[in-house]
């Protein structure tokens, strides 16, 4: 991380000098005014330059993209990496052939890669936590719809047979989809049991 202390006739001039030397725009830096300076009498007597400390912010978007590029290259996968940041959410979409390799069995490879990118983005805790969502070929939405249908189908079985049903182990994100899909169901309720990575959702009949 680059840190620069620099002076100028004013704070604005010092900042302008710093940005030129660091070759960055103002939104990429943090500025601390060390001394506002003094124009002096008639701009001659008692003149004192302004002094600031400028710190270049971490470019976590660049780091995330660079990390993904290295992983994809090591896997021999060509893909375009599109990143969009909205508040504290970073959406990353991979576009290219052979995306099935990135998705993996039921999204396991995609989830693992998403976790690693999140670690890269949030390392050092220098900024507020950023949630990372990594997707390709609209897999997240398709999987979400599949899980919602599974939740409704299983809830119907539980109501019809009068006994609980355990779903296959899922990651926290997918378990939340199941819980959310059935939270308003008047006949069944859900809860999770087991330890990660084998934790699963149980759907059971509501007791009157």
C-alpha atoms as a PDB file:
ATOM      1  CA  UNK A   1       0.000   0.000   0.000  1.00  0.00           C
ATOM      2  CA  UNK A   2       1.444   3.370  -1.055  1.00  0.00           C
ATOM      3  CA  UNK A   3       1.564   6.216   1.498  1.00  0.00           C
ATOM      4  CA  UNK A   4       2.865   9.644   0.550  1.00  0.00           C
ATOM      5  CA  UNK A   5       3.416  12.817   2.555  1.00  0.00           C
ATOM      6  CA  UNK A   6       3.520  15.898   0.359  1.00  0.00           C
ATOM      7  CA  UNK A   7       3.289  19.683   0.602  1.00  0.00           C
ATOM      8  CA  UNK A   8       1.782  22.453  -1.474  1.00  0.00           C
ATOM      9  CA  UNK A   9       0.758  26.091  -1.272  1.00  0.00           C
ATOM     10  CA  UNK A  10      -2.692  24.814  -0.196  1.00  0.00           C
ATOM     11  CA  UNK A  11      -4.305  21.511   0.707  1.00  0.00           C
ATOM     12  CA  UNK A  12      -5.873  21.363  -2.763  1.00  0.00           C
ATOM     13  CA  UNK A  13      -2.531  21.932  -4.451  1.00  0.00           C
ATOM     14  CA  UNK A  14      -0.842  19.328  -2.238  1.00  0.00           C
ATOM     15  CA  UNK A  15      -3.559  16.824  -3.147  1.00  0.00           C
ATOM     16  CA  UNK A  16      -3.187  17.625  -6.825  1.00  0.00           C
ATOM     17  CA  UNK A  17       0.572  17.054  -6.566  1.00  0.00           C
ATOM     18  CA  UNK A  18       0.034  13.753  -4.728  1.00  0.00           C
ATOM     19  CA  UNK A  19      -2.460  12.431  -7.293  1.00  0.00           C
ATOM     20  CA  UNK A  20      -0.086  13.298 -10.115  1.00  0.00           C
ATOM     21  CA  UNK A  21       2.840  11.574  -8.421  1.00  0.00           C
ATOM     22  CA  UNK A  22       0.831   8.476  -7.524  1.00  0.00           C
ATOM     23  CA  UNK A  23      -0.945   8.467 -10.909  1.00  0.00           C
ATOM     24  CA  UNK A  24      -4.389   7.811  -9.370  1.00  0.00           C
ATOM     25  CA  UNK A  25      -7.715   9.617  -9.131  1.00  0.00           C
ATOM     26  CA  UNK A  26      -9.028  11.187  -5.929  1.00  0.00           C
ATOM     27  CA  UNK A  27     -11.589   8.405  -5.307  1.00  0.00           C
ATOM     28  CA  UNK A  28      -8.708   5.923  -5.029  1.00  0.00           C
ATOM     29  CA  UNK A  29      -7.036   7.581  -2.048  1.00  0.00           C
ATOM     30  CA  UNK A  30      -7.567   8.506   1.592  1.00  0.00           C
ATOM     31  CA  UNK A  31      -6.363  11.958   2.589  1.00  0.00           C
ATOM     32  CA  UNK A  32      -5.236  13.149   6.016  1.00  0.00           C
ATOM     33  CA  UNK A  33      -4.457  16.833   6.454  1.00  0.00           C
ATOM     34  CA  UNK A  34      -1.342  17.175   8.611  1.00  0.00           C
ATOM     35  CA  UNK A  35      -1.024  20.946   8.338  1.00  0.00           C
ATOM     36  CA  UNK A  36      -3.381  23.344   6.566  1.00  0.00           C
ATOM     37  CA  UNK A  37      -0.502  25.781   6.130  1.00  0.00           C
ATOM     38  CA  UNK A  38      -0.563  29.550   6.289  1.00  0.00           C
ATOM     39  CA  UNK A  39      -0.714  32.059   3.431  1.00  0.00           C
ATOM     40  CA  UNK A  40       1.129  34.563   5.618  1.00  0.00           C
ATOM     41  CA  UNK A  41       0.967  38.328   5.615  1.00  0.00           C
ATOM     42  CA  UNK A  42       0.740  39.692   2.077  1.00  0.00           C
ATOM     43  CA  UNK A  43       1.645  36.122   1.020  1.00  0.00           C
ATOM     44  CA  UNK A  44       5.228  36.930   1.997  1.00  0.00           C
ATOM     45  CA  UNK A  45       5.689  36.980   5.770  1.00  0.00           C
ATOM     46  CA  UNK A  46       5.002  33.772   7.687  1.00  0.00           C
ATOM     47  CA  UNK A  47       4.118  31.689   4.653  1.00  0.00           C
ATOM     48  CA  UNK A  48       3.809  28.016   5.576  1.00  0.00           C
ATOM     49  CA  UNK A  49       3.004  25.231   3.073  1.00  0.00           C
ATOM     50  CA  UNK A  50       0.123  22.831   3.592  1.00  0.00           C
ATOM     51  CA  UNK A  51       1.070  19.245   4.277  1.00  0.00           C
ATOM     52  CA  UNK A  52      -1.032  16.104   3.740  1.00  0.00           C
ATOM     53  CA  UNK A  53      -0.640  12.349   3.994  1.00  0.00           C
ATOM     54  CA  UNK A  54      -2.177  10.388   1.122  1.00  0.00           C
ATOM     55  CA  UNK A  55      -2.807   6.653   1.274  1.00  0.00           C
ATOM     56  CA  UNK A  56      -3.797   4.658  -1.798  1.00  0.00           C
ATOM     57  CA  UNK A  57      -6.834   2.476  -1.111  1.00  0.00           C
ATOM     58  CA  UNK A  58      -6.740  -1.262  -1.738  1.00  0.00           C
ATOM     59  CA  UNK A  59      -8.165  -2.112  -5.139  1.00  0.00           C
ATOM     60  CA  UNK A  60      -9.985  -5.267  -4.020  1.00  0.00           C
ATOM     61  CA  UNK A  61     -11.877  -5.465  -7.318  1.00  0.00           C
ATOM     62  CA  UNK A  62      -8.587  -5.687  -9.218  1.00  0.00           C
ATOM     63  CA  UNK A  63      -7.269  -8.247  -6.715  1.00  0.00           C
ATOM     64  CA  UNK A  64     -10.415 -10.393  -7.078  1.00  0.00           C
ATOM     65  CA  UNK A  65     -10.247 -10.261 -10.870  1.00  0.00           C
ATOM     66  CA  UNK A  66      -6.532 -11.054 -10.893  1.00  0.00           C
ATOM     67  CA  UNK A  67      -7.058 -14.002  -8.515  1.00  0.00           C
ATOM     68  CA  UNK A  68      -9.844 -15.424 -10.662  1.00  0.00           C
ATOM     69  CA  UNK A  69      -7.781 -15.005 -13.808  1.00  0.00           C
ATOM     70  CA  UNK A  70      -4.917 -16.984 -12.278  1.00  0.00           C
ATOM     71  CA  UNK A  71      -7.274 -19.777 -11.162  1.00  0.00           C
ATOM     72  CA  UNK A  72      -8.993 -19.963 -14.547  1.00  0.00           C
ATOM     73  CA  UNK A  73      -5.647 -19.995 -16.385  1.00  0.00           C
ATOM     74  CA  UNK A  74      -4.406 -22.809 -14.160  1.00  0.00           C
ATOM     75  CA  UNK A  75      -7.545 -24.789 -15.040  1.00  0.00           C
ATOM     76  CA  UNK A  76      -7.132 -24.055 -18.733  1.00  0.00           C
ATOM     77  CA  UNK A  77     -10.445 -22.233 -18.860  1.00  0.00           C
ATOM     78  CA  UNK A  78     -11.017 -19.154 -20.999  1.00  0.00           C
ATOM     79  CA  UNK A  79     -13.688 -16.878 -19.600  1.00  0.00           C
ATOM     80  CA  UNK A  80     -14.631 -13.230 -19.471  1.00  0.00           C
ATOM     81  CA  UNK A  81     -14.814 -11.876 -15.922  1.00  0.00           C
ATOM     82  CA  UNK A  82     -17.491  -9.246 -15.344  1.00  0.00           C
ATOM     83  CA  UNK A  83     -17.603  -7.563 -11.934  1.00  0.00           C
ATOM     84  CA  UNK A  84     -20.271  -5.174 -10.669  1.00  0.00           C
ATOM     85  CA  UNK A  85     -20.239  -3.638  -7.193  1.00  0.00           C
ATOM     86  CA  UNK A  86     -23.386  -2.290  -5.527  1.00  0.00           C
ATOM     87  CA  UNK A  87     -22.931  -0.992  -1.986  1.00  0.00           C
ATOM     88  CA  UNK A  88     -21.462  -3.933  -0.037  1.00  0.00           C
ATOM     89  CA  UNK A  89     -22.344  -6.574  -2.654  1.00  0.00           C
ATOM     90  CA  UNK A  90     -19.908  -7.674  -5.361  1.00  0.00           C
ATOM     91  CA  UNK A  91     -21.480  -9.635  -8.218  1.00  0.00           C
ATOM     92  CA  UNK A  92     -19.042 -11.560 -10.399  1.00  0.00           C
ATOM     93  CA  UNK A  93     -20.196 -13.277 -13.574  1.00  0.00           C
ATOM     94  CA  UNK A  94     -18.042 -15.645 -15.639  1.00  0.00           C
ATOM     95  CA  UNK A  95     -18.825 -15.936 -19.344  1.00  0.00           C
ATOM     96  CA  UNK A  96     -17.310 -18.521 -21.645  1.00  0.00           C
ATOM     97  CA  UNK A  97     -17.335 -22.147 -22.816  1.00  0.00           C
ATOM     98  CA  UNK A  98     -16.881 -25.135 -20.498  1.00  0.00           C
ATOM     99  CA  UNK A  99     -18.510 -23.358 -17.552  1.00  0.00           C
ATOM    100  CA  UNK A 100     -19.670 -26.750 -16.290  1.00  0.00           C
ATOM    101  CA  UNK A 101     -16.139 -27.237 -14.957  1.00  0.00           C
ATOM    102  CA  UNK A 102     -16.495 -24.058 -12.917  1.00  0.00           C
ATOM    103  CA  UNK A 103     -19.924 -25.023 -11.578  1.00  0.00           C
ATOM    104  CA  UNK A 104     -18.969 -28.555 -10.551  1.00  0.00           C
ATOM    105  CA  UNK A 105     -21.265 -31.110  -8.926  1.00  0.00           C
ATOM    106  CA  UNK A 106     -24.312 -29.182  -7.686  1.00  0.00           C
ATOM    107  CA  UNK A 107     -22.316 -25.980  -7.623  1.00  0.00           C
ATOM    108  CA  UNK A 108     -19.625 -27.215  -5.230  1.00  0.00           C
ATOM    109  CA  UNK A 109     -16.716 -25.871  -7.322  1.00  0.00           C
ATOM    110  CA  UNK A 110     -18.490 -22.556  -7.852  1.00  0.00           C
ATOM    111  CA  UNK A 111     -19.181 -22.256  -4.103  1.00  0.00           C
ATOM    112  CA  UNK A 112     -15.585 -23.058  -3.210  1.00  0.00           C
ATOM    113  CA  UNK A 113     -14.277 -20.494  -5.683  1.00  0.00           C
ATOM    114  CA  UNK A 114     -16.749 -17.911  -4.394  1.00  0.00           C
ATOM    115  CA  UNK A 115     -15.485 -18.506  -0.858  1.00  0.00           C
ATOM    116  CA  UNK A 116     -11.864 -18.024  -1.922  1.00  0.00           C
ATOM    117  CA  UNK A 117     -12.657 -14.801  -3.792  1.00  0.00           C
ATOM    118  CA  UNK A 118     -14.465 -13.529  -0.685  1.00  0.00           C
ATOM    119  CA  UNK A 119     -11.306 -14.166   1.342  1.00  0.00           C
ATOM    120  CA  UNK A 120      -9.255 -12.205  -1.185  1.00  0.00           C
ATOM    121  CA  UNK A 121     -11.680  -9.259  -1.157  1.00  0.00           C
ATOM    122  CA  UNK A 122     -12.053  -9.098   2.621  1.00  0.00           C
ATOM    123  CA  UNK A 123      -8.481  -9.813   3.674  1.00  0.00           C
ATOM    124  CA  UNK A 124      -7.057  -7.442   6.260  1.00  0.00           C
ATOM    125  CA  UNK A 125     -10.518  -6.082   7.147  1.00  0.00           C
ATOM    126  CA  UNK A 126      -9.416  -2.655   5.867  1.00  0.00           C
ATOM    127  CA  UNK A 127     -12.888  -1.895   4.504  1.00  0.00           C
ATOM    128  CA  UNK A 128     -16.434  -2.886   5.448  1.00  0.00           C
ATOM    129  CA  UNK A 129     -17.230  -6.537   4.762  1.00  0.00           C
ATOM    130  CA  UNK A 130     -18.132  -7.158   1.128  1.00  0.00           C
ATOM    131  CA  UNK A 131     -20.456 -10.006   0.196  1.00  0.00           C
ATOM    132  CA  UNK A 132     -19.320 -11.813  -2.943  1.00  0.00           C
ATOM    133  CA  UNK A 133     -21.629 -13.683  -5.307  1.00  0.00           C
ATOM    134  CA  UNK A 134     -19.922 -15.648  -8.071  1.00  0.00           C
ATOM    135  CA  UNK A 135     -22.127 -16.946 -10.865  1.00  0.00           C
ATOM    136  CA  UNK A 136     -22.016 -18.323 -14.388  1.00  0.00           C
ATOM    137  CA  UNK A 137     -24.710 -19.250 -16.909  1.00  0.00           C
ATOM    138  CA  UNK A 138     -27.326 -17.975 -14.413  1.00  0.00           C
ATOM    139  CA  UNK A 139     -26.659 -21.070 -12.280  1.00  0.00           C
ATOM    140  CA  UNK A 140     -27.564 -19.394  -8.978  1.00  0.00           C
ATOM    141  CA  UNK A 141     -31.072 -18.474 -10.129  1.00  0.00           C
ATOM    142  CA  UNK A 142     -31.680 -21.883 -11.717  1.00  0.00           C
ATOM    143  CA  UNK A 143     -30.499 -23.677  -8.573  1.00  0.00           C
ATOM    144  CA  UNK A 144     -32.675 -21.439  -6.426  1.00  0.00           C
ATOM    145  CA  UNK A 145     -35.759 -22.290  -8.461  1.00  0.00           C
ATOM    146  CA  UNK A 146     -34.897 -26.006  -8.283  1.00  0.00           C
ATOM    147  CA  UNK A 147     -34.599 -25.834  -4.485  1.00  0.00           C
ATOM    148  CA  UNK A 148     -37.886 -23.975  -4.128  1.00  0.00           C
ATOM    149  CA  UNK A 149     -39.638 -26.703  -6.116  1.00  0.00           C
ATOM    150  CA  UNK A 150     -37.908 -29.362  -4.017  1.00  0.00           C
ATOM    151  CA  UNK A 151     -39.086 -27.620  -0.826  1.00  0.00           C
ATOM    152  CA  UNK A 152     -42.712 -27.496  -1.975  1.00  0.00           C
ATOM    153  CA  UNK A 153     -42.657 -31.090  -3.236  1.00  0.00           C
ATOM    154  CA  UNK A 154     -41.148 -32.380   0.013  1.00  0.00           C
ATOM    155  CA  UNK A 155     -43.590 -30.339   2.116  1.00  0.00           C
ATOM    156  CA  UNK A 156     -46.452 -31.992   0.255  1.00  0.00           C
ATOM    157  CA  UNK A 157     -45.004 -35.451   1.035  1.00  0.00           C
ATOM    158  CA  UNK A 158     -44.637 -34.587   4.715  1.00  0.00           C
ATOM    159  CA  UNK A 159     -48.226 -33.339   4.915  1.00  0.00           C
ATOM    160  CA  UNK A 160     -49.544 -36.387   3.035  1.00  0.00           C
ATOM    161  CA  UNK A 161     -47.559 -39.032   4.953  1.00  0.00           C
ATOM    162  CA  UNK A 162     -47.584 -37.321   8.331  1.00  0.00           C
ATOM    163  CA  UNK A 163     -43.872 -37.802   9.011  1.00  0.00           C
ATOM    164  CA  UNK A 164     -40.719 -35.718   8.740  1.00  0.00           C
ATOM    165  CA  UNK A 165     -38.300 -35.832   5.837  1.00  0.00           C
ATOM    166  CA  UNK A 166     -34.562 -35.070   5.762  1.00  0.00           C
ATOM    167  CA  UNK A 167     -33.089 -33.417   2.703  1.00  0.00           C
ATOM    168  CA  UNK A 168     -29.561 -34.037   1.433  1.00  0.00           C
ATOM    169  CA  UNK A 169     -26.726 -32.021   3.013  1.00  0.00           C
ATOM    170  CA  UNK A 170     -26.565 -28.447   1.696  1.00  0.00           C
ATOM    171  CA  UNK A 171     -24.433 -25.380   2.212  1.00  0.00           C
ATOM    172  CA  UNK A 172     -25.817 -22.488   4.343  1.00  0.00           C
ATOM    173  CA  UNK A 173     -26.961 -20.500   1.300  1.00  0.00           C
ATOM    174  CA  UNK A 174     -29.053 -23.366  -0.075  1.00  0.00           C
ATOM    175  CA  UNK A 175     -30.478 -24.219   3.353  1.00  0.00           C
ATOM    176  CA  UNK A 176     -31.675 -20.617   3.686  1.00  0.00           C
ATOM    177  CA  UNK A 177     -33.543 -20.961   0.387  1.00  0.00           C
ATOM    178  CA  UNK A 178     -35.415 -24.030   1.718  1.00  0.00           C
ATOM    179  CA  UNK A 179     -36.232 -22.354   5.033  1.00  0.00           C
ATOM    180  CA  UNK A 180     -37.438 -19.206   3.268  1.00  0.00           C
ATOM    181  CA  UNK A 181     -39.581 -21.133   0.777  1.00  0.00           C
ATOM    182  CA  UNK A 182     -41.511 -22.876   3.551  1.00  0.00           C
ATOM    183  CA  UNK A 183     -41.552 -20.306   6.346  1.00  0.00           C
ATOM    184  CA  UNK A 184     -45.145 -19.349   5.555  1.00  0.00           C
ATOM    185  CA  UNK A 185     -46.399 -22.910   5.034  1.00  0.00           C
ATOM    186  CA  UNK A 186     -49.270 -23.620   7.480  1.00  0.00           C
ATOM    187  CA  UNK A 187     -48.700 -27.392   7.535  1.00  0.00           C
ATOM    188  CA  UNK A 188     -44.938 -27.853   7.902  1.00  0.00           C
ATOM    189  CA  UNK A 189     -41.908 -26.203   9.500  1.00  0.00           C
ATOM    190  CA  UNK A 190     -38.180 -26.553   8.909  1.00  0.00           C
ATOM    191  CA  UNK A 191     -35.012 -26.770  10.956  1.00  0.00           C
ATOM    192  CA  UNK A 192     -31.389 -27.737  10.346  1.00  0.00           C
ATOM    193  CA  UNK A 193     -29.430 -30.524  12.004  1.00  0.00           C
ATOM    194  CA  UNK A 194     -25.940 -31.992  11.826  1.00  0.00           C
ATOM    195  CA  UNK A 195     -22.501 -30.473  11.501  1.00  0.00           C
ATOM    196  CA  UNK A 196     -20.915 -28.830   8.467  1.00  0.00           C
ATOM    197  CA  UNK A 197     -20.403 -29.924   5.744  1.00  0.00           C
ATOM    198  CA  UNK A 198     -23.112 -32.541   6.386  1.00  0.00           C
ATOM    199  CA  UNK A 199     -25.698 -30.191   7.864  1.00  0.00           C
ATOM    200  CA  UNK A 200     -29.124 -30.673   6.326  1.00  0.00           C
ATOM    201  CA  UNK A 201     -32.676 -29.326   6.442  1.00  0.00           C
ATOM    202  CA  UNK A 202     -35.425 -31.353   8.089  1.00  0.00           C
ATOM    203  CA  UNK A 203     -39.035 -30.709   7.109  1.00  0.00           C
ATOM    204  CA  UNK A 204     -41.592 -31.773   9.712  1.00  0.00           C
ATOM    205  CA  UNK A 205     -45.324 -31.596  10.278  1.00  0.00           C
ATOM    206  CA  UNK A 206     -46.596 -28.680  12.369  1.00  0.00           C
ATOM    207  CA  UNK A 207     -48.162 -29.724  15.642  1.00  0.00           C
ATOM    208  CA  UNK A 208     -51.589 -28.265  16.321  1.00  0.00           C
END
